[in-house]
Amino acid sequence: KGFLVEKRKLAARPASRKGKLGKHVKFVREVIRELAGHTPLEKRAMELLKNGKDKRCLKLCKRRLGTHKRAKAKREQCAMFLRAAARKAK
């Protein structure tokens, strides 16, 4: 294996922060969401989820968004919106 050395603790590189959501951007997106509401895709997806058609919702999202990963994220986001609305209704 070679000479055993202690692993150096390196400082975090700026590139490791890439894609992290900042406070200001998060706030702006929340304001826009509040004003504009949901997109037609999200409205349709939430309607499908209400009726228990999870797979159909995923297929719709995949068709519109292009990838399976993005579709799963969108479906989860729509489910989260529904849960939040149910919580607010209580």
C-alpha atoms as a PDB file:
ATOM      1  CA  LYS A   1       0.000   0.000   0.000  1.00  0.00           C
ATOM      2  CA  GLY A   2       2.887   2.336   0.611  1.00  0.00           C
ATOM      3  CA  PHE A   3       3.851   4.763   3.342  1.00  0.00           C
ATOM      4  CA  LEU A   4       0.932   5.570   5.663  1.00  0.00           C
ATOM      5  CA  VAL A   5       0.247   9.293   5.822  1.00  0.00           C
ATOM      6  CA  GLU A   6      -2.368  11.354   7.592  1.00  0.00           C
ATOM      7  CA  LYS A   7      -5.176  12.501   5.298  1.00  0.00           C
ATOM      8  CA  ARG A   8      -5.035  16.283   4.867  1.00  0.00           C
ATOM      9  CA  LYS A   9      -8.157  18.275   5.719  1.00  0.00           C
ATOM     10  CA  LEU A  10      -8.664  20.576   2.736  1.00  0.00           C
ATOM     11  CA  ALA A  11     -10.826  23.694   2.741  1.00  0.00           C
ATOM     12  CA  ALA A  12     -14.124  23.490   0.861  1.00  0.00           C
ATOM     13  CA  ARG A  13     -13.859  24.695  -2.720  1.00  0.00           C
ATOM     14  CA  PRO A  14     -16.332  27.248  -4.093  1.00  0.00           C
ATOM     15  CA  ALA A  15     -17.394  24.748  -6.752  1.00  0.00           C
ATOM     16  CA  SER A  16     -18.875  22.528  -4.032  1.00  0.00           C
ATOM     17  CA  ARG A  17     -21.493  25.249  -3.346  1.00  0.00           C
ATOM     18  CA  LYS A  18     -22.674  25.225  -6.963  1.00  0.00           C
ATOM     19  CA  GLY A  19     -26.423  24.860  -7.228  1.00  0.00           C
ATOM     20  CA  LYS A  20     -27.106  25.631  -3.552  1.00  0.00           C
ATOM     21  CA  LEU A  21     -30.241  27.696  -3.076  1.00  0.00           C
ATOM     22  CA  GLY A  22     -29.530  31.141  -1.619  1.00  0.00           C
ATOM     23  CA  LYS A  23     -31.815  33.052   0.758  1.00  0.00           C
ATOM     24  CA  HIS A  24     -32.675  35.818  -1.698  1.00  0.00           C
ATOM     25  CA  VAL A  25     -33.395  33.488  -4.609  1.00  0.00           C
ATOM     26  CA  LYS A  26     -35.594  31.328  -2.360  1.00  0.00           C
ATOM     27  CA  PHE A  27     -37.540  34.395  -1.202  1.00  0.00           C
ATOM     28  CA  VAL A  28     -38.039  35.687  -4.759  1.00  0.00           C
ATOM     29  CA  ARG A  29     -39.272  32.281  -5.958  1.00  0.00           C
ATOM     30  CA  GLU A  30     -41.735  32.092  -3.044  1.00  0.00           C
ATOM     31  CA  VAL A  31     -43.134  35.541  -3.891  1.00  0.00           C
ATOM     32  CA  ILE A  32     -43.514  34.648  -7.568  1.00  0.00           C
ATOM     33  CA  ARG A  33     -45.192  31.330  -6.680  1.00  0.00           C
ATOM     34  CA  GLU A  34     -47.608  33.182  -4.399  1.00  0.00           C
ATOM     35  CA  LEU A  35     -48.508  35.750  -7.067  1.00  0.00           C
ATOM     36  CA  ALA A  36     -48.581  33.546 -10.174  1.00  0.00           C
ATOM     37  CA  GLY A  37     -49.972  30.334  -8.646  1.00  0.00           C
ATOM     38  CA  HIS A  38     -49.398  26.910 -10.159  1.00  0.00           C
ATOM     39  CA  THR A  39     -48.546  26.099 -13.758  1.00  0.00           C
ATOM     40  CA  PRO A  40     -51.066  24.203 -15.902  1.00  0.00           C
ATOM     41  CA  LEU A  41     -48.828  21.111 -15.677  1.00  0.00           C
ATOM     42  CA  GLU A  42     -48.831  21.302 -11.875  1.00  0.00           C
ATOM     43  CA  LYS A  43     -52.596  21.798 -11.734  1.00  0.00           C
ATOM     44  CA  ARG A  44     -53.185  18.756 -13.923  1.00  0.00           C
ATOM     45  CA  ALA A  45     -50.636  16.685 -12.000  1.00  0.00           C
ATOM     46  CA  MET A  46     -52.265  17.576  -8.667  1.00  0.00           C
ATOM     47  CA  GLU A  47     -55.676  16.627 -10.060  1.00  0.00           C
ATOM     48  CA  LEU A  48     -54.285  13.221 -11.083  1.00  0.00           C
ATOM     49  CA  LEU A  49     -52.700  12.744  -7.648  1.00  0.00           C
ATOM     50  CA  LYS A  50     -56.003  13.595  -5.934  1.00  0.00           C
ATOM     51  CA  ASN A  51     -57.624  10.794  -7.928  1.00  0.00           C
ATOM     52  CA  GLY A  52     -54.866   8.346  -6.959  1.00  0.00           C
ATOM     53  CA  LYS A  53     -53.321   8.156 -10.432  1.00  0.00           C
ATOM     54  CA  ASP A  54     -49.662   8.453  -9.393  1.00  0.00           C
ATOM     55  CA  LYS A  55     -48.288   6.560 -12.365  1.00  0.00           C
ATOM     56  CA  ARG A  56     -50.320   8.578 -14.867  1.00  0.00           C
ATOM     57  CA  CYS A  57     -49.041  11.746 -13.164  1.00  0.00           C
ATOM     58  CA  LEU A  58     -45.459  10.537 -13.533  1.00  0.00           C
ATOM     59  CA  LYS A  59     -46.012   9.736 -17.217  1.00  0.00           C
ATOM     60  CA  LEU A  60     -47.497  13.186 -17.820  1.00  0.00           C
ATOM     61  CA  CYS A  61     -44.605  14.914 -16.082  1.00  0.00           C
ATOM     62  CA  LYS A  62     -42.023  12.787 -17.892  1.00  0.00           C
ATOM     63  CA  ARG A  63     -43.576  13.622 -21.239  1.00  0.00           C
ATOM     64  CA  ARG A  64     -43.576  17.361 -20.500  1.00  0.00           C
ATOM     65  CA  LEU A  65     -40.250  17.650 -18.667  1.00  0.00           C
ATOM     66  CA  GLY A  66     -38.135  15.189 -20.620  1.00  0.00           C
ATOM     67  CA  THR A  67     -36.452  13.054 -17.967  1.00  0.00           C
ATOM     68  CA  HIS A  68     -37.574  10.500 -15.393  1.00  0.00           C
ATOM     69  CA  LYS A  69     -35.615  12.239 -12.621  1.00  0.00           C
ATOM     70  CA  ARG A  70     -37.252  15.631 -13.268  1.00  0.00           C
ATOM     71  CA  ALA A  71     -40.670  13.983 -13.518  1.00  0.00           C
ATOM     72  CA  LYS A  72     -40.269  12.270 -10.129  1.00  0.00           C
ATOM     73  CA  ALA A  73     -39.186  15.566  -8.566  1.00  0.00           C
ATOM     74  CA  LYS A  74     -42.184  17.409 -10.054  1.00  0.00           C
ATOM     75  CA  ARG A  75     -44.604  14.702  -8.903  1.00  0.00           C
ATOM     76  CA  GLU A  76     -43.164  14.912  -5.384  1.00  0.00           C
ATOM     77  CA  GLN A  77     -43.419  18.707  -5.478  1.00  0.00           C
ATOM     78  CA  CYS A  78     -47.091  18.512  -6.510  1.00  0.00           C
ATOM     79  CA  ALA A  79     -47.779  15.980  -3.750  1.00  0.00           C
ATOM     80  CA  MET A  80     -46.117  18.386  -1.304  1.00  0.00           C
ATOM     81  CA  PHE A  81     -48.417  21.208  -2.503  1.00  0.00           C
ATOM     82  CA  LEU A  82     -51.440  18.964  -1.882  1.00  0.00           C
ATOM     83  CA  ARG A  83     -50.218  18.055   1.619  1.00  0.00           C
ATOM     84  CA  ALA A  84     -49.661  21.729   2.428  1.00  0.00           C
ATOM     85  CA  ALA A  85     -53.162  22.608   1.175  1.00  0.00           C
ATOM     86  CA  ALA A  86     -54.670  19.805   3.283  1.00  0.00           C
ATOM     87  CA  ARG A  87     -52.767  21.058   6.335  1.00  0.00           C
ATOM     88  CA  LYS A  88     -53.986  24.595   5.711  1.00  0.00           C
ATOM     89  CA  ALA A  89     -57.601  23.393   5.315  1.00  0.00           C
ATOM     90  CA  LYS A  90     -57.594  21.802   8.804  1.00  0.00           C
END
